[in-house]
Amino acid sequence: MSRRGNCHDNAVAESCFQFLKHERIKRRIYPTRAEARADVLDYIEMFYNPKRRHGDSDMLSPTDYEHQYERRLLSV
C-alpha cells in the first residue's frame, strides 16, 4: 500500500483531516498551540468518534462499530 502513486495509501487519514479542517478549524485562529491541540482533541473525542457515521462501517460511528465488534467477540 505504501508504493509511490498508490491513491489508497492515506485515504482514511486524509478523509479524517478533511472533515476536521472543514467542520472545526476552518477560519479559526488559536492563540496557543495548547488551545489548538485541546480543540482538535475535543472534536475527535466528542464528535468524530462517538457521533459521525462512516460508510465503510455500515453507517455506524467508530464508537458504535467498536462496541458491536466487542459484542461479537464475546458471543463466540
N, C-alpha and C. Protein backbone atom coordinates (compact mmCIF):
# COMPACT_ATOMS: atom_id res chain seq x y z
N MET A 1 0.81 -1.20 0.00
CA MET A 1 0.00 0.00 0.00
C MET A 1 0.85 1.27 0.00
N SER A 2 2.09 1.20 0.42
CA SER A 2 2.85 2.43 0.54
C SER A 2 3.71 2.73 -0.69
N ARG A 3 3.42 2.06 -1.79
CA ARG A 3 4.18 2.36 -3.00
C ARG A 3 3.83 3.74 -3.54
N ARG A 4 4.75 4.30 -4.24
CA ARG A 4 4.52 5.61 -4.84
C ARG A 4 3.39 5.55 -5.85
N GLY A 5 2.50 6.53 -5.79
CA GLY A 5 1.41 6.60 -6.74
C GLY A 5 0.18 5.81 -6.35
N ASN A 6 0.19 5.15 -5.20
CA ASN A 6 -0.96 4.39 -4.75
C ASN A 6 -1.96 5.35 -4.10
N CYS A 7 -3.09 5.55 -4.74
CA CYS A 7 -4.04 6.57 -4.28
C CYS A 7 -4.79 6.18 -3.01
N HIS A 8 -4.73 4.92 -2.59
CA HIS A 8 -5.48 4.48 -1.41
C HIS A 8 -4.61 4.44 -0.16
N ASP A 9 -3.38 4.86 -0.27
CA ASP A 9 -2.45 4.71 0.84
C ASP A 9 -2.91 5.47 2.09
N ASN A 10 -3.23 6.73 1.96
CA ASN A 10 -3.59 7.54 3.13
C ASN A 10 -5.03 8.03 3.07
N ALA A 11 -5.88 7.33 2.39
CA ALA A 11 -7.24 7.82 2.16
C ALA A 11 -8.01 8.02 3.45
N VAL A 12 -7.88 7.13 4.41
CA VAL A 12 -8.63 7.25 5.66
C VAL A 12 -8.16 8.46 6.45
N ALA A 13 -6.86 8.61 6.59
CA ALA A 13 -6.32 9.75 7.33
C ALA A 13 -6.67 11.06 6.63
N GLU A 14 -6.55 11.09 5.32
CA GLU A 14 -6.86 12.31 4.57
C GLU A 14 -8.33 12.68 4.71
N SER A 15 -9.20 11.70 4.73
CA SER A 15 -10.63 11.96 4.92
C SER A 15 -10.89 12.54 6.30
N CYS A 16 -10.26 11.99 7.31
CA CYS A 16 -10.43 12.50 8.68
C CYS A 16 -9.94 13.93 8.77
N PHE A 17 -8.76 14.23 8.23
CA PHE A 17 -8.23 15.59 8.28
C PHE A 17 -9.09 16.56 7.48
N GLN A 18 -9.67 16.08 6.39
CA GLN A 18 -10.55 16.95 5.59
C GLN A 18 -11.76 17.37 6.42
N PHE A 19 -12.40 16.42 7.09
CA PHE A 19 -13.56 16.75 7.93
C PHE A 19 -13.15 17.65 9.10
N LEU A 20 -12.01 17.37 9.70
CA LEU A 20 -11.53 18.20 10.80
C LEU A 20 -11.36 19.65 10.35
N LYS A 21 -10.71 19.83 9.22
CA LYS A 21 -10.49 21.19 8.71
C LYS A 21 -11.81 21.87 8.35
N HIS A 22 -12.68 21.15 7.68
CA HIS A 22 -13.93 21.74 7.21
C HIS A 22 -14.90 22.04 8.34
N GLU A 23 -15.02 21.12 9.30
CA GLU A 23 -16.04 21.23 10.34
C GLU A 23 -15.57 21.95 11.60
N ARG A 24 -14.26 22.04 11.81
CA ARG A 24 -13.83 22.56 13.11
C ARG A 24 -12.86 23.73 13.03
N ILE A 25 -11.79 23.62 12.27
CA ILE A 25 -10.73 24.62 12.40
C ILE A 25 -10.67 25.62 11.24
N LYS A 26 -11.58 25.52 10.31
CA LYS A 26 -11.56 26.44 9.18
C LYS A 26 -11.81 27.87 9.67
N ARG A 27 -10.95 28.77 9.27
CA ARG A 27 -11.04 30.20 9.62
C ARG A 27 -10.98 30.47 11.11
N ARG A 28 -10.32 29.61 11.85
CA ARG A 28 -10.13 29.83 13.28
C ARG A 28 -8.67 30.13 13.55
N ILE A 29 -8.43 31.02 14.44
CA ILE A 29 -7.06 31.33 14.85
C ILE A 29 -6.94 31.00 16.34
N TYR A 30 -5.99 30.14 16.65
CA TYR A 30 -5.77 29.73 18.04
C TYR A 30 -4.62 30.54 18.62
N PRO A 31 -4.82 31.11 19.80
CA PRO A 31 -3.75 31.91 20.41
C PRO A 31 -2.52 31.08 20.79
N THR A 32 -2.75 29.84 21.20
CA THR A 32 -1.62 28.98 21.58
C THR A 32 -1.77 27.60 20.96
N ARG A 33 -0.67 26.91 20.88
CA ARG A 33 -0.69 25.54 20.36
C ARG A 33 -1.49 24.62 21.28
N ALA A 34 -1.43 24.87 22.57
CA ALA A 34 -2.17 24.05 23.54
C ALA A 34 -3.68 24.17 23.32
N GLU A 35 -4.15 25.38 23.03
CA GLU A 35 -5.58 25.55 22.76
C GLU A 35 -5.99 24.85 21.46
N ALA A 36 -5.15 24.90 20.46
CA ALA A 36 -5.44 24.20 19.21
C ALA A 36 -5.49 22.70 19.44
N ARG A 37 -4.52 22.19 20.18
CA ARG A 37 -4.48 20.76 20.48
C ARG A 37 -5.72 20.32 21.26
N ALA A 38 -6.12 21.12 22.24
CA ALA A 38 -7.30 20.79 23.05
C ALA A 38 -8.56 20.81 22.20
N ASP A 39 -8.68 21.75 21.28
CA ASP A 39 -9.86 21.83 20.42
C ASP A 39 -9.94 20.65 19.46
N VAL A 40 -8.80 20.27 18.90
CA VAL A 40 -8.78 19.12 17.99
C VAL A 40 -9.12 17.84 18.76
N LEU A 41 -8.57 17.68 19.94
CA LEU A 41 -8.87 16.50 20.77
C LEU A 41 -10.36 16.46 21.12
N ASP A 42 -10.91 17.62 21.45
CA ASP A 42 -12.34 17.69 21.75
C ASP A 42 -13.17 17.27 20.54
N TYR A 43 -12.79 17.73 19.37
CA TYR A 43 -13.51 17.36 18.14
C TYR A 43 -13.47 15.85 17.93
N ILE A 44 -12.30 15.27 18.07
CA ILE A 44 -12.16 13.83 17.81
C ILE A 44 -12.91 13.00 18.85
N GLU A 45 -12.71 13.33 20.12
CA GLU A 45 -13.30 12.52 21.19
C GLU A 45 -14.79 12.78 21.43
N MET A 46 -15.25 13.99 21.18
CA MET A 46 -16.63 14.32 21.50
C MET A 46 -17.57 14.29 20.30
N PHE A 47 -17.04 14.41 19.09
CA PHE A 47 -17.91 14.41 17.92
C PHE A 47 -17.54 13.33 16.92
N TYR A 48 -16.30 13.31 16.47
CA TYR A 48 -15.93 12.43 15.36
C TYR A 48 -16.09 10.96 15.73
N ASN A 49 -15.55 10.54 16.84
CA ASN A 49 -15.64 9.12 17.21
C ASN A 49 -17.03 8.70 17.67
N PRO A 50 -17.70 9.44 18.57
CA PRO A 50 -18.98 8.93 19.04
C PRO A 50 -20.17 9.19 18.12
N LYS A 51 -20.11 10.19 17.25
CA LYS A 51 -21.32 10.59 16.52
C LYS A 51 -21.25 10.46 15.01
N ARG A 52 -20.12 10.80 14.39
CA ARG A 52 -20.04 10.81 12.93
C ARG A 52 -20.14 9.39 12.37
N ARG A 53 -21.02 9.20 11.42
CA ARG A 53 -21.20 7.88 10.80
C ARG A 53 -20.27 7.73 9.61
N HIS A 54 -19.83 6.49 9.38
CA HIS A 54 -18.88 6.20 8.31
C HIS A 54 -19.45 5.14 7.37
N GLY A 55 -19.28 5.36 6.09
CA GLY A 55 -19.82 4.44 5.09
C GLY A 55 -19.15 3.08 5.12
N ASP A 56 -17.87 3.01 5.47
CA ASP A 56 -17.16 1.73 5.48
C ASP A 56 -17.59 0.84 6.63
N SER A 57 -18.23 1.41 7.63
CA SER A 57 -18.62 0.61 8.80
C SER A 57 -20.14 0.51 8.91
N ASP A 58 -20.80 0.32 7.79
CA ASP A 58 -22.26 0.16 7.75
C ASP A 58 -22.99 1.35 8.38
N MET A 59 -22.48 2.54 8.14
CA MET A 59 -23.07 3.79 8.63
C MET A 59 -23.17 3.84 10.16
N LEU A 60 -22.18 3.26 10.83
CA LEU A 60 -22.07 3.34 12.29
C LEU A 60 -20.94 4.30 12.65
N SER A 61 -21.04 4.92 13.80
CA SER A 61 -19.93 5.73 14.27
C SER A 61 -18.79 4.79 14.68
N PRO A 62 -17.55 5.28 14.73
CA PRO A 62 -16.46 4.40 15.16
C PRO A 62 -16.68 3.79 16.54
N THR A 63 -17.26 4.54 17.45
CA THR A 63 -17.53 4.01 18.79
C THR A 63 -18.57 2.89 18.74
N ASP A 64 -19.66 3.10 18.00
CA ASP A 64 -20.69 2.06 17.87
C ASP A 64 -20.14 0.82 17.18
N TYR A 65 -19.32 1.02 16.17
CA TYR A 65 -18.72 -0.10 15.45
C TYR A 65 -17.82 -0.91 16.38
N GLU A 66 -17.05 -0.23 17.20
CA GLU A 66 -16.18 -0.91 18.15
C GLU A 66 -16.98 -1.70 19.17
N HIS A 67 -18.06 -1.13 19.67
CA HIS A 67 -18.91 -1.85 20.63
C HIS A 67 -19.55 -3.08 19.98
N GLN A 68 -19.99 -2.94 18.75
CA GLN A 68 -20.57 -4.07 18.02
C GLN A 68 -19.53 -5.18 17.83
N TYR A 69 -18.31 -4.79 17.50
CA TYR A 69 -17.23 -5.76 17.32
C TYR A 69 -16.93 -6.49 18.63
N GLU A 70 -16.88 -5.76 19.74
CA GLU A 70 -16.62 -6.39 21.04
C GLU A 70 -17.73 -7.35 21.42
N ARG A 71 -18.99 -6.99 21.14
CA ARG A 71 -20.11 -7.90 21.43
C ARG A 71 -20.00 -9.18 20.61
N ARG A 72 -19.59 -9.05 19.36
CA ARG A 72 -19.41 -10.24 18.53
C ARG A 72 -18.33 -11.15 19.08
N LEU A 73 -17.24 -10.55 19.55
CA LEU A 73 -16.16 -11.36 20.12
C LEU A 73 -16.60 -12.09 21.39
N LEU A 74 -17.36 -11.42 22.21
CA LEU A 74 -17.82 -12.02 23.45
C LEU A 74 -18.86 -13.11 23.24
N SER A 75 -19.60 -13.02 22.14
CA SER A 75 -20.63 -14.02 21.90
C SER A 75 -20.10 -15.32 21.30
N VAL A 76 -18.85 -15.33 20.93
CA VAL A 76 -18.26 -16.54 20.31
C VAL A 76 -17.78 -17.49 21.35
